[in-house]
């Protein structure tokens, strides 16, 4: 189980790397890693399936698949799930997490338009984390919260390392 959470962190890191990478080769490699590892996690248990499928569906439905690396990640995700066997996530939990992932994507794009507290939640895409925390508290299944928190930690870790490795300069957009 611990390895699954480490993989969640790696998926978050690879997702952000694929999102930011300007070199097609490295972007494709990160997208492939993101898709393969995410697809593997989706086959681990119904709770992991709910989290992984909701994050992928949220990105697709929010219209955030805008790079070739994202398409490769999606294809790798679906091929991996098909090859390893689909695990049916609890539909209500999937729907909740997917809706929160979509809201996270939309709110992040308009983060500066919100009051400070909401701006922080929007900038760091914390609705999914807060929803997963509530879901874990209600169900007693901590996979929801820990998996999303590890994914987000990897996502933010990429930004932090990138900032440090560039000597404190922000990434070019």
Foldseek 3Di string as FASTA:
>chain_A
DVVLLLLLLLLLQLVLCLVQDPDVVSNLVSLLSNQQSLLVQLLPALLSVLQSVLLLLLCVVLPVQDDPSPVSSVVSNVVNCVVNDGHHHDVVSSVVLNVLNNVLVVLCVVLVVDPPVSSVCNVLSCSSLVSQVVVCVVPVDNCSNSSVVSSSNSNVVNQVVVCVVVVNDHRDD
